[in-house]
Amino acid sequence: MQLQNILVISGKPDLNELVSRNRGGAIVENIVTGQRMPVFQNDRISALAEIRIYTNSGETPLEDVFKNIKAKQDSKPIDFDPKKADGKMLFDYFGQILPDYDTERVHASDVKKVLHWYNILLAAGKLEDEPAEETTTESK
C-alpha cells in the first residue's frame, strides 16, 4: 500500500495522486475522474501517509486503519454509504475497525472521510499489498 503519493487537497473533492512536482507546486490526478490539475504551494495538502487517527493509547497511521477495514470487508467496498450513514452506525462500524479510537477527538466527519477514502482507494486498486522484496542468496 503506497499512500505517500495520495493527497488530500482542502477544497477539492475525492483524492488525488501526485504526478509530478514543479517549482510552484505540483500536478495531481484525481483518482476518481482521472482529471489532472495543478496545485500550488499555498494549497492545504496532506499526504494520506501522514494522517493519523487518535486512539486512547496515542495515534494509529491511516494505513493501518485501511488494512483493518480491508480485512473486515474481505477486500470489498464498505456495504453502506458512509456519507449518508448516521453517527451511531459510523461509530459502531469504526469501533469494530479500531476499537481503541479516541471517542472524544474522532468525529463523525472524520469517520465518513476515512470510509469514503477507503472505497475510493479500493476501487482504484491503490490498497493492494506491495510484493515482498525477494532476497536472493548466491551460492558460493
N, C-alpha and C. Protein backbone atom coordinates (compact mmCIF):
# COMPACT_ATOMS: atom_id res chain seq x y z
N MET A 1 0.86 -1.17 0.00
CA MET A 1 0.00 0.00 0.00
C MET A 1 0.90 1.23 0.00
N GLN A 2 0.78 2.05 -1.00
CA GLN A 2 1.61 3.24 -1.14
C GLN A 2 0.73 4.48 -0.97
N LEU A 3 0.76 5.10 0.20
CA LEU A 3 -0.10 6.25 0.45
C LEU A 3 0.63 7.58 0.41
N GLN A 4 1.96 7.59 0.30
CA GLN A 4 2.68 8.86 0.35
C GLN A 4 2.41 9.74 -0.87
N ASN A 5 2.02 9.18 -2.00
CA ASN A 5 1.72 9.99 -3.18
C ASN A 5 0.23 10.24 -3.36
N ILE A 6 -0.60 9.76 -2.41
CA ILE A 6 -2.03 10.00 -2.45
C ILE A 6 -2.30 11.20 -1.55
N LEU A 7 -2.92 12.23 -2.13
CA LEU A 7 -3.06 13.51 -1.44
C LEU A 7 -4.51 13.90 -1.22
N VAL A 8 -4.73 14.57 -0.10
CA VAL A 8 -6.00 15.23 0.20
C VAL A 8 -5.72 16.71 0.03
N ILE A 9 -6.53 17.37 -0.78
CA ILE A 9 -6.35 18.80 -1.02
C ILE A 9 -7.59 19.52 -0.53
N SER A 10 -7.40 20.40 0.43
CA SER A 10 -8.53 21.12 1.01
C SER A 10 -9.30 21.85 -0.07
N GLY A 11 -10.62 21.67 -0.07
CA GLY A 11 -11.48 22.33 -1.04
C GLY A 11 -11.67 21.57 -2.33
N LYS A 12 -10.96 20.47 -2.50
CA LYS A 12 -11.08 19.65 -3.72
C LYS A 12 -11.72 18.31 -3.34
N PRO A 13 -12.63 17.83 -4.18
CA PRO A 13 -13.29 16.56 -3.85
C PRO A 13 -12.37 15.37 -4.10
N ASP A 14 -12.71 14.26 -3.49
CA ASP A 14 -12.03 12.98 -3.71
C ASP A 14 -10.56 13.04 -3.28
N LEU A 15 -9.80 12.12 -3.81
CA LEU A 15 -8.37 12.02 -3.53
C LEU A 15 -7.61 12.24 -4.82
N ASN A 16 -6.38 12.66 -4.69
CA ASN A 16 -5.54 12.93 -5.85
C ASN A 16 -4.21 12.23 -5.68
N GLU A 17 -3.63 11.87 -6.83
CA GLU A 17 -2.31 11.23 -6.80
C GLU A 17 -1.30 12.19 -7.41
N LEU A 18 -0.16 12.30 -6.77
CA LEU A 18 0.91 13.17 -7.25
C LEU A 18 1.45 12.61 -8.56
N VAL A 19 1.49 13.47 -9.59
CA VAL A 19 2.03 13.06 -10.90
C VAL A 19 3.44 13.60 -11.05
N SER A 20 3.61 14.90 -10.77
CA SER A 20 4.94 15.50 -10.87
C SER A 20 5.00 16.76 -10.02
N ARG A 21 6.20 17.15 -9.71
CA ARG A 21 6.43 18.38 -8.95
C ARG A 21 7.07 19.42 -9.86
N ASN A 22 6.82 20.68 -9.54
CA ASN A 22 7.49 21.76 -10.25
C ASN A 22 7.82 22.85 -9.24
N ARG A 23 8.42 23.94 -9.70
CA ARG A 23 8.86 24.98 -8.77
C ARG A 23 7.72 25.58 -7.97
N GLY A 24 6.58 25.81 -8.58
CA GLY A 24 5.48 26.48 -7.90
C GLY A 24 4.51 25.56 -7.22
N GLY A 25 4.66 24.26 -7.35
CA GLY A 25 3.72 23.33 -6.74
C GLY A 25 3.85 21.95 -7.34
N ALA A 26 2.72 21.44 -7.86
CA ALA A 26 2.73 20.08 -8.38
C ALA A 26 1.56 19.88 -9.34
N ILE A 27 1.61 18.78 -10.06
CA ILE A 27 0.49 18.34 -10.89
C ILE A 27 -0.05 17.07 -10.22
N VAL A 28 -1.36 17.04 -10.03
CA VAL A 28 -2.00 15.88 -9.43
C VAL A 28 -3.09 15.36 -10.36
N GLU A 29 -3.45 14.11 -10.15
CA GLU A 29 -4.51 13.49 -10.93
C GLU A 29 -5.58 12.98 -9.98
N ASN A 30 -6.82 13.39 -10.23
CA ASN A 30 -7.94 12.94 -9.42
C ASN A 30 -8.09 11.43 -9.61
N ILE A 31 -8.11 10.68 -8.53
CA ILE A 31 -8.16 9.22 -8.60
C ILE A 31 -9.49 8.74 -9.19
N VAL A 32 -10.56 9.48 -8.95
CA VAL A 32 -11.89 9.06 -9.43
C VAL A 32 -12.09 9.42 -10.90
N THR A 33 -11.80 10.68 -11.26
CA THR A 33 -12.10 11.16 -12.61
C THR A 33 -10.94 11.06 -13.58
N GLY A 34 -9.71 10.97 -13.06
CA GLY A 34 -8.53 10.93 -13.92
C GLY A 34 -8.12 12.29 -14.42
N GLN A 35 -8.83 13.33 -13.99
CA GLN A 35 -8.53 14.69 -14.43
C GLN A 35 -7.28 15.21 -13.73
N ARG A 36 -6.39 15.80 -14.51
CA ARG A 36 -5.17 16.39 -13.95
C ARG A 36 -5.37 17.88 -13.71
N MET A 37 -4.70 18.36 -12.66
CA MET A 37 -4.79 19.79 -12.34
C MET A 37 -3.56 20.21 -11.56
N PRO A 38 -3.26 21.49 -11.61
CA PRO A 38 -2.12 21.98 -10.82
C PRO A 38 -2.55 22.26 -9.39
N VAL A 39 -1.63 22.09 -8.47
CA VAL A 39 -1.81 22.55 -7.10
C VAL A 39 -0.60 23.41 -6.76
N PHE A 40 -0.80 24.33 -5.86
CA PHE A 40 0.23 25.30 -5.58
C PHE A 40 0.69 25.22 -4.14
N GLN A 41 1.81 25.86 -3.84
CA GLN A 41 2.40 25.79 -2.51
C GLN A 41 1.47 26.33 -1.43
N ASN A 42 0.56 27.24 -1.78
CA ASN A 42 -0.33 27.80 -0.77
C ASN A 42 -1.60 26.95 -0.57
N ASP A 43 -1.78 25.87 -1.35
CA ASP A 43 -2.91 24.96 -1.13
C ASP A 43 -2.63 24.13 0.12
N ARG A 44 -3.68 23.80 0.83
CA ARG A 44 -3.54 22.93 2.00
C ARG A 44 -3.58 21.48 1.53
N ILE A 45 -2.42 20.84 1.56
CA ILE A 45 -2.27 19.49 1.02
C ILE A 45 -1.74 18.57 2.12
N SER A 46 -2.34 17.38 2.22
CA SER A 46 -1.87 16.36 3.16
C SER A 46 -1.74 15.04 2.43
N ALA A 47 -0.65 14.35 2.66
CA ALA A 47 -0.48 13.00 2.13
C ALA A 47 -1.17 12.03 3.09
N LEU A 48 -1.87 11.05 2.54
CA LEU A 48 -2.56 10.08 3.39
C LEU A 48 -1.57 9.37 4.32
N ALA A 49 -0.34 9.20 3.88
CA ALA A 49 0.67 8.53 4.70
C ALA A 49 0.98 9.31 5.98
N GLU A 50 0.67 10.61 5.99
CA GLU A 50 0.97 11.44 7.16
C GLU A 50 -0.20 11.51 8.14
N ILE A 51 -1.37 11.07 7.74
CA ILE A 51 -2.58 11.22 8.56
C ILE A 51 -2.63 10.10 9.60
N ARG A 52 -2.97 10.48 10.80
CA ARG A 52 -3.09 9.54 11.93
C ARG A 52 -4.48 9.69 12.53
N ILE A 53 -4.96 8.60 13.13
CA ILE A 53 -6.23 8.61 13.84
C ILE A 53 -5.93 8.55 15.33
N TYR A 54 -6.56 9.44 16.09
CA TYR A 54 -6.35 9.46 17.54
C TYR A 54 -6.90 8.19 18.18
N THR A 55 -6.09 7.61 19.06
CA THR A 55 -6.54 6.47 19.86
C THR A 55 -6.28 6.81 21.33
N ASN A 56 -6.81 5.99 22.20
CA ASN A 56 -6.61 6.21 23.64
C ASN A 56 -5.15 5.99 24.04
N SER A 57 -4.41 5.27 23.21
CA SER A 57 -3.01 4.99 23.53
C SER A 57 -2.03 5.76 22.65
N GLY A 58 -2.53 6.74 21.89
CA GLY A 58 -1.65 7.54 21.02
C GLY A 58 -2.32 7.83 19.69
N GLU A 59 -1.66 7.42 18.62
CA GLU A 59 -2.19 7.64 17.26
C GLU A 59 -1.91 6.40 16.43
N THR A 60 -2.80 6.13 15.48
CA THR A 60 -2.64 5.00 14.57
C THR A 60 -2.56 5.53 13.15
N PRO A 61 -1.56 5.10 12.36
CA PRO A 61 -1.45 5.55 10.98
C PRO A 61 -2.70 5.14 10.17
N LEU A 62 -3.10 6.00 9.25
CA LEU A 62 -4.26 5.73 8.41
C LEU A 62 -4.08 4.43 7.63
N GLU A 63 -2.87 4.12 7.25
CA GLU A 63 -2.60 2.88 6.52
C GLU A 63 -3.05 1.65 7.31
N ASP A 64 -2.81 1.67 8.62
CA ASP A 64 -3.23 0.56 9.47
C ASP A 64 -4.76 0.47 9.53
N VAL A 65 -5.41 1.61 9.57
CA VAL A 65 -6.87 1.64 9.59
C VAL A 65 -7.42 1.05 8.29
N PHE A 66 -6.82 1.44 7.16
CA PHE A 66 -7.25 0.89 5.87
C PHE A 66 -7.04 -0.63 5.82
N LYS A 67 -5.94 -1.10 6.38
CA LYS A 67 -5.68 -2.55 6.41
C LYS A 67 -6.75 -3.26 7.23
N ASN A 68 -7.15 -2.66 8.35
CA ASN A 68 -8.19 -3.26 9.19
C ASN A 68 -9.53 -3.29 8.46
N ILE A 69 -9.86 -2.21 7.75
CA ILE A 69 -11.12 -2.17 7.00
C ILE A 69 -11.08 -3.22 5.91
N LYS A 70 -9.96 -3.29 5.19
CA LYS A 70 -9.83 -4.25 4.10
C LYS A 70 -9.99 -5.68 4.60
N ALA A 71 -9.42 -5.98 5.75
CA ALA A 71 -9.56 -7.32 6.32
C ALA A 71 -11.00 -7.60 6.73
N LYS A 72 -11.64 -6.62 7.36
CA LYS A 72 -13.04 -6.80 7.79
C LYS A 72 -13.96 -6.96 6.59
N GLN A 73 -13.71 -6.20 5.54
CA GLN A 73 -14.57 -6.22 4.35
C GLN A 73 -14.17 -7.30 3.36
N ASP A 74 -13.13 -8.06 3.67
CA ASP A 74 -12.64 -9.10 2.77
C ASP A 74 -12.30 -8.51 1.39
N SER A 75 -11.62 -7.37 1.42
CA SER A 75 -11.17 -6.65 0.21
C SER A 75 -12.33 -6.21 -0.68
N LYS A 76 -13.46 -5.95 -0.08
CA LYS A 76 -14.64 -5.46 -0.82
C LYS A 76 -15.00 -4.06 -0.32
N PRO A 77 -15.80 -3.32 -1.10
CA PRO A 77 -16.22 -2.00 -0.64
C PRO A 77 -17.09 -2.09 0.63
N ILE A 78 -17.13 -1.02 1.35
CA ILE A 78 -18.00 -0.94 2.53
C ILE A 78 -19.44 -1.03 2.03
N ASP A 79 -20.25 -1.82 2.72
CA ASP A 79 -21.58 -2.12 2.21
C ASP A 79 -22.66 -1.11 2.60
N PHE A 80 -22.26 0.07 3.02
CA PHE A 80 -23.21 1.16 3.24
C PHE A 80 -22.55 2.45 2.79
N ASP A 81 -23.34 3.47 2.52
CA ASP A 81 -22.80 4.75 2.06
C ASP A 81 -22.39 5.58 3.28
N PRO A 82 -21.07 5.74 3.48
CA PRO A 82 -20.62 6.49 4.67
C PRO A 82 -21.16 7.92 4.72
N LYS A 83 -21.38 8.52 3.57
CA LYS A 83 -21.85 9.91 3.55
C LYS A 83 -23.29 10.04 4.04
N LYS A 84 -24.07 8.97 3.93
CA LYS A 84 -25.47 9.02 4.33
C LYS A 84 -25.74 8.34 5.67
N ALA A 85 -24.73 7.69 6.22
CA ALA A 85 -24.91 6.96 7.48
C ALA A 85 -25.01 7.92 8.66
N ASP A 86 -25.77 7.51 9.66
CA ASP A 86 -25.87 8.33 10.87
C ASP A 86 -24.67 8.07 11.77
N GLY A 87 -24.50 8.92 12.75
CA GLY A 87 -23.34 8.84 13.64
C GLY A 87 -23.22 7.52 14.36
N LYS A 88 -24.34 6.97 14.84
CA LYS A 88 -24.29 5.71 15.58
C LYS A 88 -23.76 4.59 14.70
N MET A 89 -24.25 4.52 13.47
CA MET A 89 -23.80 3.47 12.55
C MET A 89 -22.30 3.63 12.25
N LEU A 90 -21.87 4.87 12.02
CA LEU A 90 -20.47 5.13 11.72
C LEU A 90 -19.56 4.72 12.88
N PHE A 91 -19.93 5.14 14.08
CA PHE A 91 -19.09 4.84 15.24
C PHE A 91 -19.12 3.36 15.60
N ASP A 92 -20.27 2.71 15.43
CA ASP A 92 -20.33 1.26 15.68
C ASP A 92 -19.38 0.53 14.73
N TYR A 93 -19.41 0.90 13.46
CA TYR A 93 -18.55 0.26 12.47
C TYR A 93 -17.08 0.57 12.76
N PHE A 94 -16.79 1.85 13.03
CA PHE A 94 -15.41 2.26 13.27
C PHE A 94 -14.86 1.59 14.53
N GLY A 95 -15.71 1.37 15.52
CA GLY A 95 -15.29 0.68 16.73
C GLY A 95 -14.86 -0.76 16.45
N GLN A 96 -15.42 -1.36 15.42
CA GLN A 96 -15.00 -2.71 15.03
C GLN A 96 -13.66 -2.68 14.32
N ILE A 97 -13.38 -1.60 13.63
CA ILE A 97 -12.13 -1.45 12.87
C ILE A 97 -10.98 -1.03 13.79
N LEU A 98 -11.25 -0.08 14.64
CA LEU A 98 -10.23 0.48 15.53
C LEU A 98 -10.85 0.65 16.92
N PRO A 99 -10.93 -0.45 17.69
CA PRO A 99 -11.64 -0.42 18.98
C PRO A 99 -11.10 0.63 19.95
N ASP A 100 -9.85 1.00 19.82
CA ASP A 100 -9.20 1.91 20.75
C ASP A 100 -9.30 3.39 20.32
N TYR A 101 -10.12 3.70 19.29
CA TYR A 101 -10.15 5.09 18.83
C TYR A 101 -10.66 6.02 19.93
N ASP A 102 -10.15 7.24 19.92
CA ASP A 102 -10.49 8.22 20.95
C ASP A 102 -11.86 8.82 20.63
N THR A 103 -12.84 8.46 21.42
CA THR A 103 -14.22 8.89 21.16
C THR A 103 -14.42 10.39 21.35
N GLU A 104 -13.50 11.04 22.04
CA GLU A 104 -13.60 12.48 22.26
C GLU A 104 -13.04 13.28 21.08
N ARG A 105 -12.03 12.73 20.41
CA ARG A 105 -11.34 13.50 19.37
C ARG A 105 -11.62 13.03 17.94
N VAL A 106 -12.21 11.86 17.77
CA VAL A 106 -12.57 11.38 16.43
C VAL A 106 -14.05 11.68 16.23
N HIS A 107 -14.33 12.48 15.21
CA HIS A 107 -15.69 12.93 14.95
C HIS A 107 -16.32 12.15 13.80
N ALA A 108 -17.64 12.24 13.69
CA ALA A 108 -18.37 11.53 12.63
C ALA A 108 -17.84 11.94 11.25
N SER A 109 -17.49 13.21 11.07
CA SER A 109 -16.97 13.67 9.78
C SER A 109 -15.64 13.00 9.45
N ASP A 110 -14.83 12.74 10.47
CA ASP A 110 -13.55 12.04 10.27
C ASP A 110 -13.80 10.61 9.81
N VAL A 111 -14.73 9.93 10.46
CA VAL A 111 -15.04 8.55 10.11
C VAL A 111 -15.60 8.48 8.70
N LYS A 112 -16.48 9.42 8.35
CA LYS A 112 -17.05 9.45 6.99
C LYS A 112 -15.94 9.58 5.95
N LYS A 113 -15.00 10.48 6.20
CA LYS A 113 -13.89 10.67 5.26
C LYS A 113 -13.07 9.40 5.11
N VAL A 114 -12.70 8.80 6.22
CA VAL A 114 -11.86 7.60 6.18
C VAL A 114 -12.56 6.49 5.40
N LEU A 115 -13.82 6.26 5.68
CA LEU A 115 -14.56 5.19 5.00
C LEU A 115 -14.75 5.50 3.52
N HIS A 116 -15.01 6.76 3.21
CA HIS A 116 -15.14 7.18 1.81
C HIS A 116 -13.81 7.02 1.07
N TRP A 117 -12.72 7.42 1.71
CA TRP A 117 -11.40 7.27 1.10
C TRP A 117 -11.08 5.81 0.86
N TYR A 118 -11.44 4.95 1.81
CA TYR A 118 -11.21 3.51 1.63
C TYR A 118 -11.89 3.02 0.35
N ASN A 119 -13.15 3.38 0.17
CA ASN A 119 -13.88 2.94 -1.03
C ASN A 119 -13.23 3.46 -2.31
N ILE A 120 -12.78 4.71 -2.30
CA ILE A 120 -12.11 5.29 -3.48
C ILE A 120 -10.82 4.54 -3.78
N LEU A 121 -9.99 4.35 -2.76
CA LEU A 121 -8.70 3.68 -2.94
C LEU A 121 -8.87 2.23 -3.37
N LEU A 122 -9.86 1.56 -2.82
CA LEU A 122 -10.11 0.17 -3.19
C LEU A 122 -10.51 0.08 -4.66
N ALA A 123 -11.43 0.94 -5.08
CA ALA A 123 -11.89 0.93 -6.48
C ALA A 123 -10.75 1.24 -7.44
N ALA A 124 -9.80 2.07 -7.01
CA ALA A 124 -8.68 2.46 -7.86
C ALA A 124 -7.51 1.46 -7.78
N GLY A 125 -7.64 0.43 -6.97
CA GLY A 125 -6.57 -0.56 -6.84
C GLY A 125 -5.36 -0.06 -6.06
N LYS A 126 -5.56 0.95 -5.25
CA LYS A 126 -4.44 1.55 -4.50
C LYS A 126 -4.22 0.91 -3.14
N LEU A 127 -5.03 -0.07 -2.78
CA LEU A 127 -4.87 -0.73 -1.48
C LEU A 127 -4.24 -2.11 -1.60
N GLU A 128 -3.68 -2.37 -2.77
CA GLU A 128 -3.04 -3.67 -2.98
C GLU A 128 -1.78 -3.73 -2.13
N ASP A 129 -1.54 -4.90 -1.57
CA ASP A 129 -0.33 -5.11 -0.80
C ASP A 129 0.86 -5.08 -1.74
N GLU A 130 1.93 -4.48 -1.25
CA GLU A 130 3.16 -4.44 -2.05
C GLU A 130 3.81 -5.81 -2.01
N PRO A 131 4.35 -6.25 -3.13
CA PRO A 131 5.03 -7.55 -3.10
C PRO A 131 6.25 -7.48 -2.20
N ALA A 132 6.45 -8.53 -1.47
CA ALA A 132 7.62 -8.58 -0.59
C ALA A 132 8.87 -8.63 -1.43
N GLU A 133 9.88 -7.93 -0.96
CA GLU A 133 11.14 -7.93 -1.70
C GLU A 133 11.77 -9.30 -1.59
N GLU A 134 12.18 -9.79 -2.72
CA GLU A 134 12.81 -11.10 -2.72
C GLU A 134 14.24 -10.97 -2.26
N THR A 135 14.64 -11.88 -1.44
CA THR A 135 16.03 -11.91 -1.02
C THR A 135 16.69 -13.05 -1.76
N THR A 136 17.76 -12.73 -2.36
CA THR A 136 18.49 -13.77 -3.12
C THR A 136 19.75 -14.12 -2.38
N THR A 137 20.03 -15.36 -2.36
CA THR A 137 21.28 -15.81 -1.77
C THR A 137 22.10 -16.46 -2.87
N GLU A 138 23.27 -15.99 -2.99
CA GLU A 138 24.14 -16.54 -4.01
C GLU A 138 24.92 -17.71 -3.43
N SER A 139 24.97 -18.75 -4.18
CA SER A 139 25.76 -19.89 -3.69
C SER A 139 27.22 -19.69 -4.07
N LYS A 140 28.06 -20.07 -3.18
CA LYS A 140 29.50 -19.86 -3.41
C LYS A 140 30.16 -21.13 -3.73
